[in-house]
Amino acid sequence: MSAYQDGDRVVVLIPNQFSRAEEREWVDRMLDRIAARGQRRRRSDTDLYERALHLARRFLPELKNPPETVRWVGNQNTRWGSCTPAERSIRLSDRLRGMPEWVIDYVLLHELSHLMVSGHGPAFWALVGRYPKAERAQGYLEGVAAAAGLDLTEDET
């Protein structure tokens, strides 16, 4: 079971075999968790930038030129994040807000890796694979996309 905020609505993922009573119980629990998360300070663009620098130092020490900007955007409906290496800019989809920190960190590291390697070849995935929760975060995002009926597939070549 999981829940995340998608704009103004909350999406709760629960097993199909739940009874109506179990469904109501778990939806209420997950809504409470989302509300509690919302009461914590939400990451600003500045927070996101600082987090990206921390992740770069920790997992990509050979990255000599850090990003110029890292910010949240509301116009990415077909991807979780994007990077423009020529501008050294990284943008993360607002859809990630409310998701676990380790998932946001994965997307940040994914985009930071594009500052070093374009495309999604073996060298790129070797960099992303330095993040210990990379595979778990990929699965989480795939599950969220599937449950929401989004086509957020990624070119793995």
N, C-alpha and C. Protein backbone atom coordinates (compact mmCIF):
# COMPACT_ATOMS: atom_id res chain seq x y z
N MET A 1 0.83 -1.16 0.00
CA MET A 1 0.00 0.00 0.00
C MET A 1 0.88 1.23 0.00
N SER A 2 0.47 2.21 -0.77
CA SER A 2 1.20 3.47 -0.78
C SER A 2 0.24 4.58 -1.20
N ALA A 3 0.68 5.79 -0.97
CA ALA A 3 -0.10 6.95 -1.36
C ALA A 3 0.85 8.07 -1.73
N TYR A 4 0.41 8.89 -2.65
CA TYR A 4 1.19 10.05 -3.04
C TYR A 4 0.25 11.14 -3.50
N GLN A 5 0.76 12.35 -3.48
CA GLN A 5 -0.02 13.50 -3.90
C GLN A 5 0.27 13.79 -5.36
N ASP A 6 -0.77 13.95 -6.15
CA ASP A 6 -0.64 14.28 -7.57
C ASP A 6 -1.41 15.57 -7.78
N GLY A 7 -0.70 16.68 -7.65
CA GLY A 7 -1.37 17.98 -7.72
C GLY A 7 -2.26 18.18 -6.52
N ASP A 8 -3.54 18.42 -6.77
CA ASP A 8 -4.50 18.65 -5.69
C ASP A 8 -5.16 17.38 -5.18
N ARG A 9 -4.86 16.25 -5.80
CA ARG A 9 -5.51 15.01 -5.35
C ARG A 9 -4.50 14.03 -4.78
N VAL A 10 -5.00 13.13 -3.96
CA VAL A 10 -4.17 12.09 -3.37
C VAL A 10 -4.52 10.77 -4.03
N VAL A 11 -3.50 10.04 -4.46
CA VAL A 11 -3.69 8.73 -5.07
C VAL A 11 -3.26 7.68 -4.05
N VAL A 12 -4.17 6.76 -3.71
CA VAL A 12 -3.89 5.70 -2.76
C VAL A 12 -3.90 4.39 -3.52
N LEU A 13 -2.83 3.61 -3.38
CA LEU A 13 -2.71 2.31 -4.05
C LEU A 13 -2.87 1.22 -3.01
N ILE A 14 -3.90 0.38 -3.20
CA ILE A 14 -4.17 -0.72 -2.27
C ILE A 14 -4.48 -1.97 -3.07
N PRO A 15 -4.30 -3.15 -2.46
CA PRO A 15 -4.59 -4.39 -3.17
C PRO A 15 -6.07 -4.48 -3.59
N ASN A 16 -6.30 -5.05 -4.74
CA ASN A 16 -7.64 -5.18 -5.30
C ASN A 16 -8.54 -6.09 -4.46
N GLN A 17 -7.96 -7.03 -3.75
CA GLN A 17 -8.77 -8.00 -3.01
C GLN A 17 -9.26 -7.50 -1.65
N PHE A 18 -8.96 -6.27 -1.30
CA PHE A 18 -9.43 -5.71 -0.02
C PHE A 18 -10.95 -5.62 0.00
N SER A 19 -11.51 -5.88 1.16
CA SER A 19 -12.96 -5.66 1.35
C SER A 19 -13.20 -4.16 1.42
N ARG A 20 -14.47 -3.76 1.34
CA ARG A 20 -14.80 -2.33 1.44
C ARG A 20 -14.32 -1.76 2.78
N ALA A 21 -14.48 -2.52 3.87
CA ALA A 21 -14.07 -2.04 5.19
C ALA A 21 -12.55 -1.86 5.25
N GLU A 22 -11.78 -2.84 4.72
CA GLU A 22 -10.33 -2.73 4.69
C GLU A 22 -9.90 -1.56 3.81
N GLU A 23 -10.58 -1.41 2.69
CA GLU A 23 -10.27 -0.31 1.79
C GLU A 23 -10.44 1.03 2.50
N ARG A 24 -11.57 1.24 3.16
CA ARG A 24 -11.84 2.50 3.86
C ARG A 24 -10.80 2.73 4.95
N GLU A 25 -10.49 1.66 5.72
CA GLU A 25 -9.51 1.78 6.80
C GLU A 25 -8.16 2.24 6.26
N TRP A 26 -7.68 1.59 5.18
CA TRP A 26 -6.37 1.90 4.64
C TRP A 26 -6.34 3.24 3.91
N VAL A 27 -7.42 3.59 3.25
CA VAL A 27 -7.47 4.90 2.60
C VAL A 27 -7.37 5.98 3.68
N ASP A 28 -8.11 5.83 4.78
CA ASP A 28 -8.04 6.80 5.87
C ASP A 28 -6.63 6.89 6.44
N ARG A 29 -6.00 5.74 6.65
CA ARG A 29 -4.62 5.73 7.18
C ARG A 29 -3.66 6.46 6.25
N MET A 30 -3.78 6.15 4.96
CA MET A 30 -2.86 6.74 4.00
C MET A 30 -3.12 8.25 3.85
N LEU A 31 -4.36 8.67 3.91
CA LEU A 31 -4.66 10.09 3.86
C LEU A 31 -4.08 10.81 5.07
N ASP A 32 -4.14 10.16 6.24
CA ASP A 32 -3.52 10.74 7.44
C ASP A 32 -2.02 10.89 7.26
N ARG A 33 -1.39 9.88 6.66
CA ARG A 33 0.07 9.95 6.42
C ARG A 33 0.42 11.09 5.47
N ILE A 34 -0.36 11.22 4.41
CA ILE A 34 -0.11 12.30 3.44
C ILE A 34 -0.29 13.66 4.12
N ALA A 35 -1.32 13.78 4.93
CA ALA A 35 -1.56 15.04 5.64
C ALA A 35 -0.39 15.37 6.57
N ALA A 36 0.13 14.35 7.27
CA ALA A 36 1.27 14.56 8.16
C ALA A 36 2.50 14.99 7.37
N ARG A 37 2.71 14.37 6.21
CA ARG A 37 3.83 14.76 5.35
C ARG A 37 3.70 16.20 4.90
N GLY A 38 2.46 16.60 4.59
CA GLY A 38 2.21 17.95 4.13
C GLY A 38 2.49 19.00 5.18
N GLN A 39 2.39 18.60 6.45
CA GLN A 39 2.66 19.54 7.52
C GLN A 39 4.16 19.79 7.68
N ARG A 40 4.97 18.83 7.24
CA ARG A 40 6.41 19.08 7.24
C ARG A 40 6.72 20.08 6.14
N ARG A 41 7.82 20.75 6.30
CA ARG A 41 8.21 21.75 5.31
C ARG A 41 8.46 21.08 3.97
N ARG A 42 7.83 21.62 2.93
CA ARG A 42 8.04 21.10 1.58
C ARG A 42 9.34 21.68 1.03
N ARG A 43 10.05 20.87 0.30
CA ARG A 43 11.30 21.32 -0.29
C ARG A 43 11.07 22.47 -1.26
N SER A 44 11.79 23.54 -1.06
CA SER A 44 11.77 24.66 -1.99
C SER A 44 12.76 24.35 -3.11
N ASP A 45 12.81 25.21 -4.11
CA ASP A 45 13.82 25.07 -5.16
C ASP A 45 15.22 25.14 -4.57
N THR A 46 15.41 26.01 -3.58
CA THR A 46 16.72 26.12 -2.93
C THR A 46 17.08 24.83 -2.21
N ASP A 47 16.10 24.26 -1.49
CA ASP A 47 16.33 22.98 -0.81
C ASP A 47 16.68 21.89 -1.82
N LEU A 48 15.97 21.89 -2.95
CA LEU A 48 16.19 20.89 -3.98
C LEU A 48 17.61 21.03 -4.55
N TYR A 49 18.04 22.26 -4.79
CA TYR A 49 19.38 22.52 -5.30
C TYR A 49 20.44 22.03 -4.32
N GLU A 50 20.26 22.36 -3.04
CA GLU A 50 21.22 21.92 -2.02
C GLU A 50 21.26 20.40 -1.91
N ARG A 51 20.10 19.77 -2.03
CA ARG A 51 20.06 18.30 -1.98
C ARG A 51 20.80 17.72 -3.19
N ALA A 52 20.62 18.33 -4.35
CA ALA A 52 21.33 17.86 -5.54
C ALA A 52 22.84 17.96 -5.37
N LEU A 53 23.31 19.06 -4.79
CA LEU A 53 24.75 19.21 -4.55
C LEU A 53 25.25 18.15 -3.59
N HIS A 54 24.48 17.88 -2.55
CA HIS A 54 24.86 16.84 -1.58
C HIS A 54 24.96 15.48 -2.28
N LEU A 55 23.95 15.13 -3.07
CA LEU A 55 23.96 13.85 -3.78
C LEU A 55 25.12 13.76 -4.76
N ALA A 56 25.41 14.87 -5.44
CA ALA A 56 26.54 14.88 -6.39
C ALA A 56 27.85 14.64 -5.67
N ARG A 57 28.05 15.31 -4.53
CA ARG A 57 29.30 15.11 -3.76
C ARG A 57 29.42 13.66 -3.30
N ARG A 58 28.31 13.10 -2.88
CA ARG A 58 28.35 11.75 -2.32
C ARG A 58 28.47 10.65 -3.37
N PHE A 59 27.70 10.75 -4.46
CA PHE A 59 27.64 9.66 -5.42
C PHE A 59 28.34 9.93 -6.75
N LEU A 60 28.59 11.19 -7.06
CA LEU A 60 29.24 11.55 -8.33
C LEU A 60 30.41 12.52 -8.06
N PRO A 61 31.39 12.10 -7.27
CA PRO A 61 32.48 13.02 -6.89
C PRO A 61 33.27 13.55 -8.08
N GLU A 62 33.23 12.84 -9.21
CA GLU A 62 33.97 13.30 -10.38
C GLU A 62 33.21 14.36 -11.19
N LEU A 63 31.99 14.69 -10.78
CA LEU A 63 31.23 15.76 -11.44
C LEU A 63 31.88 17.10 -11.10
N LYS A 64 32.55 17.68 -12.08
CA LYS A 64 33.32 18.91 -11.83
C LYS A 64 32.46 20.18 -11.90
N ASN A 65 31.45 20.17 -12.74
CA ASN A 65 30.59 21.34 -12.89
C ASN A 65 29.18 21.01 -12.43
N PRO A 66 28.81 21.44 -11.23
CA PRO A 66 27.48 21.12 -10.71
C PRO A 66 26.40 21.84 -11.52
N PRO A 67 25.15 21.49 -11.29
CA PRO A 67 24.08 22.19 -12.02
C PRO A 67 24.02 23.66 -11.62
N GLU A 68 23.57 24.46 -12.57
CA GLU A 68 23.35 25.89 -12.30
C GLU A 68 22.02 26.08 -11.56
N THR A 69 21.02 25.32 -11.99
CA THR A 69 19.69 25.42 -11.37
C THR A 69 19.08 24.04 -11.19
N VAL A 70 18.32 23.92 -10.13
CA VAL A 70 17.52 22.71 -9.86
C VAL A 70 16.20 23.24 -9.33
N ARG A 71 15.10 22.88 -9.99
CA ARG A 71 13.82 23.44 -9.55
C ARG A 71 12.66 22.51 -9.85
N TRP A 72 11.56 22.77 -9.16
CA TRP A 72 10.30 22.06 -9.39
C TRP A 72 9.59 22.71 -10.57
N VAL A 73 8.92 21.91 -11.37
CA VAL A 73 8.10 22.45 -12.46
C VAL A 73 6.78 21.70 -12.53
N GLY A 74 5.77 22.37 -13.00
CA GLY A 74 4.44 21.77 -13.09
C GLY A 74 4.05 21.36 -14.49
N ASN A 75 4.96 21.48 -15.44
CA ASN A 75 4.60 21.21 -16.83
C ASN A 75 5.17 19.89 -17.38
N GLN A 76 5.64 19.02 -16.51
CA GLN A 76 6.19 17.74 -16.98
C GLN A 76 5.18 16.64 -16.69
N ASN A 77 4.41 16.32 -17.71
CA ASN A 77 3.37 15.30 -17.54
C ASN A 77 3.79 13.94 -18.07
N THR A 78 4.90 13.88 -18.77
CA THR A 78 5.32 12.61 -19.35
C THR A 78 6.68 12.14 -18.84
N ARG A 79 7.22 12.83 -17.84
CA ARG A 79 8.50 12.41 -17.26
C ARG A 79 8.59 12.88 -15.82
N TRP A 80 9.49 12.27 -15.08
CA TRP A 80 9.68 12.63 -13.66
C TRP A 80 10.65 13.78 -13.51
N GLY A 81 11.58 13.89 -14.44
CA GLY A 81 12.56 14.95 -14.37
C GLY A 81 13.19 15.15 -15.73
N SER A 82 13.94 16.24 -15.85
CA SER A 82 14.66 16.48 -17.09
C SER A 82 15.92 17.27 -16.79
N CYS A 83 16.86 17.17 -17.72
CA CYS A 83 18.13 17.84 -17.58
C CYS A 83 18.51 18.45 -18.93
N THR A 84 18.98 19.68 -18.90
CA THR A 84 19.51 20.33 -20.09
C THR A 84 21.00 20.58 -19.82
N PRO A 85 21.86 19.65 -20.26
CA PRO A 85 23.29 19.77 -19.95
C PRO A 85 23.92 21.08 -20.41
N ALA A 86 23.52 21.59 -21.57
CA ALA A 86 24.12 22.83 -22.08
C ALA A 86 23.87 24.00 -21.13
N GLU A 87 22.71 24.00 -20.47
CA GLU A 87 22.38 25.05 -19.50
C GLU A 87 22.69 24.64 -18.07
N ARG A 88 23.05 23.36 -17.89
CA ARG A 88 23.30 22.78 -16.58
C ARG A 88 22.09 22.98 -15.66
N SER A 89 20.90 22.74 -16.23
CA SER A 89 19.67 22.91 -15.47
C SER A 89 18.95 21.57 -15.32
N ILE A 90 18.37 21.40 -14.14
CA ILE A 90 17.61 20.20 -13.81
C ILE A 90 16.24 20.64 -13.34
N ARG A 91 15.22 19.95 -13.83
CA ARG A 91 13.85 20.22 -13.43
C ARG A 91 13.20 18.92 -12.98
N LEU A 92 12.49 18.98 -11.86
CA LEU A 92 11.75 17.82 -11.36
C LEU A 92 10.26 18.10 -11.42
N SER A 93 9.51 17.10 -11.81
CA SER A 93 8.07 17.22 -11.90
C SER A 93 7.44 17.40 -10.52
N ASP A 94 6.46 18.28 -10.45
CA ASP A 94 5.68 18.45 -9.22
C ASP A 94 5.01 17.15 -8.80
N ARG A 95 4.84 16.21 -9.72
CA ARG A 95 4.23 14.92 -9.38
C ARG A 95 5.03 14.18 -8.31
N LEU A 96 6.31 14.53 -8.18
CA LEU A 96 7.16 13.87 -7.18
C LEU A 96 6.92 14.39 -5.77
N ARG A 97 6.34 15.57 -5.65
CA ARG A 97 6.09 16.12 -4.32
C ARG A 97 5.18 15.17 -3.56
N GLY A 98 5.54 14.92 -2.33
CA GLY A 98 4.77 13.99 -1.51
C GLY A 98 5.25 12.56 -1.60
N MET A 99 6.12 12.26 -2.57
CA MET A 99 6.69 10.91 -2.66
C MET A 99 7.83 10.81 -1.65
N PRO A 100 8.23 9.59 -1.32
CA PRO A 100 9.33 9.44 -0.35
C PRO A 100 10.60 10.15 -0.81
N GLU A 101 11.35 10.62 0.17
CA GLU A 101 12.59 11.36 -0.12
C GLU A 101 13.56 10.54 -0.97
N TRP A 102 13.64 9.23 -0.70
CA TRP A 102 14.59 8.40 -1.44
C TRP A 102 14.21 8.29 -2.92
N VAL A 103 12.93 8.46 -3.23
CA VAL A 103 12.50 8.45 -4.63
C VAL A 103 12.92 9.77 -5.30
N ILE A 104 12.70 10.88 -4.61
CA ILE A 104 13.12 12.19 -5.13
C ILE A 104 14.64 12.21 -5.31
N ASP A 105 15.36 11.66 -4.34
CA ASP A 105 16.83 11.59 -4.45
C ASP A 105 17.25 10.79 -5.67
N TYR A 106 16.55 9.69 -5.95
CA TYR A 106 16.87 8.88 -7.12
C TYR A 106 16.71 9.70 -8.40
N VAL A 107 15.59 10.42 -8.51
CA VAL A 107 15.35 11.22 -9.72
C VAL A 107 16.41 12.32 -9.84
N LEU A 108 16.75 12.94 -8.73
CA LEU A 108 17.82 13.95 -8.75
C LEU A 108 19.13 13.35 -9.25
N LEU A 109 19.50 12.19 -8.70
CA LEU A 109 20.76 11.57 -9.11
C LEU A 109 20.71 11.15 -10.58
N HIS A 110 19.55 10.68 -11.03
CA HIS A 110 19.37 10.32 -12.44
C HIS A 110 19.67 11.54 -13.31
N GLU A 111 19.08 12.67 -12.97
CA GLU A 111 19.28 13.88 -13.77
C GLU A 111 20.71 14.42 -13.62
N LEU A 112 21.27 14.36 -12.44
CA LEU A 112 22.67 14.76 -12.25
C LEU A 112 23.60 13.92 -13.13
N SER A 113 23.31 12.64 -13.27
CA SER A 113 24.13 11.76 -14.09
C SER A 113 24.13 12.20 -15.55
N HIS A 114 23.03 12.82 -15.99
CA HIS A 114 22.97 13.32 -17.36
C HIS A 114 23.91 14.51 -17.58
N LEU A 115 24.36 15.14 -16.52
CA LEU A 115 25.36 16.20 -16.68
C LEU A 115 26.72 15.61 -17.07
N MET A 116 26.87 14.30 -16.85
CA MET A 116 28.12 13.63 -17.18
C MET A 116 28.00 12.74 -18.42
N VAL A 117 26.84 12.12 -18.58
CA VAL A 117 26.64 11.17 -19.68
C VAL A 117 25.26 11.41 -20.28
N SER A 118 25.22 11.68 -21.58
CA SER A 118 23.92 11.82 -22.24
C SER A 118 23.39 10.43 -22.59
N GLY A 119 22.11 10.34 -22.78
CA GLY A 119 21.51 9.05 -23.13
C GLY A 119 21.40 8.13 -21.93
N HIS A 120 20.93 6.93 -22.21
CA HIS A 120 20.70 5.94 -21.15
C HIS A 120 21.48 4.65 -21.42
N GLY A 121 22.73 4.79 -21.79
CA GLY A 121 23.58 3.64 -22.06
C GLY A 121 24.19 3.08 -20.79
N PRO A 122 25.04 2.07 -20.93
CA PRO A 122 25.65 1.40 -19.77
C PRO A 122 26.44 2.35 -18.85
N ALA A 123 27.17 3.30 -19.43
CA ALA A 123 27.95 4.23 -18.59
C ALA A 123 27.02 5.08 -17.72
N PHE A 124 25.90 5.50 -18.30
CA PHE A 124 24.91 6.28 -17.55
C PHE A 124 24.35 5.45 -16.40
N TRP A 125 23.90 4.22 -16.69
CA TRP A 125 23.28 3.39 -15.65
C TRP A 125 24.28 2.99 -14.58
N ALA A 126 25.55 2.92 -14.93
CA ALA A 126 26.58 2.64 -13.91
C ALA A 126 26.64 3.79 -12.90
N LEU A 127 26.51 5.02 -13.37
CA LEU A 127 26.50 6.16 -12.46
C LEU A 127 25.25 6.14 -11.58
N VAL A 128 24.10 5.96 -12.20
CA VAL A 128 22.83 5.93 -11.45
C VAL A 128 22.85 4.78 -10.43
N GLY A 129 23.45 3.67 -10.81
CA GLY A 129 23.50 2.49 -9.96
C GLY A 129 24.30 2.68 -8.68
N ARG A 130 25.02 3.77 -8.57
CA ARG A 130 25.74 4.05 -7.33
C ARG A 130 24.77 4.38 -6.18
N TYR A 131 23.57 4.81 -6.54
CA TYR A 131 22.58 5.14 -5.52
C TYR A 131 22.00 3.82 -4.99
N PRO A 132 22.13 3.54 -3.69
CA PRO A 132 21.75 2.23 -3.16
C PRO A 132 20.27 1.86 -3.34
N LYS A 133 19.41 2.84 -3.45
CA LYS A 133 17.98 2.55 -3.60
C LYS A 133 17.50 2.78 -5.03
N ALA A 134 18.41 2.76 -5.99
CA ALA A 134 18.05 3.04 -7.38
C ALA A 134 16.99 2.06 -7.90
N GLU A 135 17.24 0.78 -7.74
CA GLU A 135 16.31 -0.21 -8.27
C GLU A 135 14.95 -0.13 -7.57
N ARG A 136 14.99 0.07 -6.27
CA ARG A 136 13.75 0.20 -5.50
C ARG A 136 12.95 1.43 -5.95
N ALA A 137 13.64 2.55 -6.16
CA ALA A 137 12.98 3.78 -6.60
C ALA A 137 12.41 3.63 -8.01
N GLN A 138 13.14 2.96 -8.89
CA GLN A 138 12.64 2.72 -10.24
C GLN A 138 11.34 1.91 -10.18
N GLY A 139 11.33 0.87 -9.34
CA GLY A 139 10.12 0.06 -9.19
C GLY A 139 8.96 0.87 -8.62
N TYR A 140 9.26 1.72 -7.67
CA TYR A 140 8.23 2.57 -7.07
C TYR A 140 7.61 3.47 -8.13
N LEU A 141 8.46 4.13 -8.90
CA LEU A 141 7.97 5.05 -9.94
C LEU A 141 7.20 4.31 -11.03
N GLU A 142 7.66 3.11 -11.40
CA GLU A 142 6.94 2.31 -12.38
C GLU A 142 5.56 1.93 -11.85
N GLY A 143 5.49 1.59 -10.57
CA GLY A 143 4.20 1.24 -9.96
C GLY A 143 3.26 2.43 -9.92
N VAL A 144 3.77 3.59 -9.55
CA VAL A 144 2.95 4.80 -9.51
C VAL A 144 2.42 5.11 -10.92
N ALA A 145 3.31 5.04 -11.91
CA ALA A 145 2.91 5.34 -13.28
C ALA A 145 1.85 4.35 -13.77
N ALA A 146 2.05 3.07 -13.48
CA ALA A 146 1.08 2.06 -13.91
C ALA A 146 -0.27 2.26 -13.24
N ALA A 147 -0.25 2.53 -11.94
CA ALA A 147 -1.50 2.71 -11.21
C ALA A 147 -2.27 3.94 -11.68
N ALA A 148 -1.54 4.96 -12.09
CA ALA A 148 -2.18 6.19 -12.55
C ALA A 148 -2.48 6.16 -14.05
N GLY A 149 -2.08 5.08 -14.72
CA GLY A 149 -2.32 4.97 -16.16
C GLY A 149 -1.45 5.91 -16.97
N LEU A 150 -0.28 6.24 -16.46
CA LEU A 150 0.64 7.14 -17.16
C LEU A 150 1.61 6.34 -18.01
N ASP A 151 1.98 6.87 -19.14
CA ASP A 151 2.99 6.24 -19.99
C ASP A 151 4.31 6.97 -19.77
N LEU A 152 5.00 6.60 -18.71
CA LEU A 152 6.26 7.26 -18.37
C LEU A 152 7.43 6.30 -18.57
N THR A 153 7.42 5.59 -19.69
CA THR A 153 8.50 4.65 -19.96
C THR A 153 9.75 5.41 -20.33
N GLU A 154 10.87 4.76 -20.13
CA GLU A 154 12.15 5.41 -20.38
C GLU A 154 12.95 4.61 -21.38
N ASP A 155 13.62 5.30 -22.25
CA ASP A 155 14.50 4.67 -23.24
C ASP A 155 15.73 4.15 -22.52
N GLU A 156 15.91 2.86 -22.50
CA GLU A 156 17.02 2.26 -21.76
C GLU A 156 18.23 2.00 -22.64
N THR A 157 18.26 2.51 -23.85
CA THR A 157 19.39 2.23 -24.73
C THR A 157 20.46 3.28 -24.65
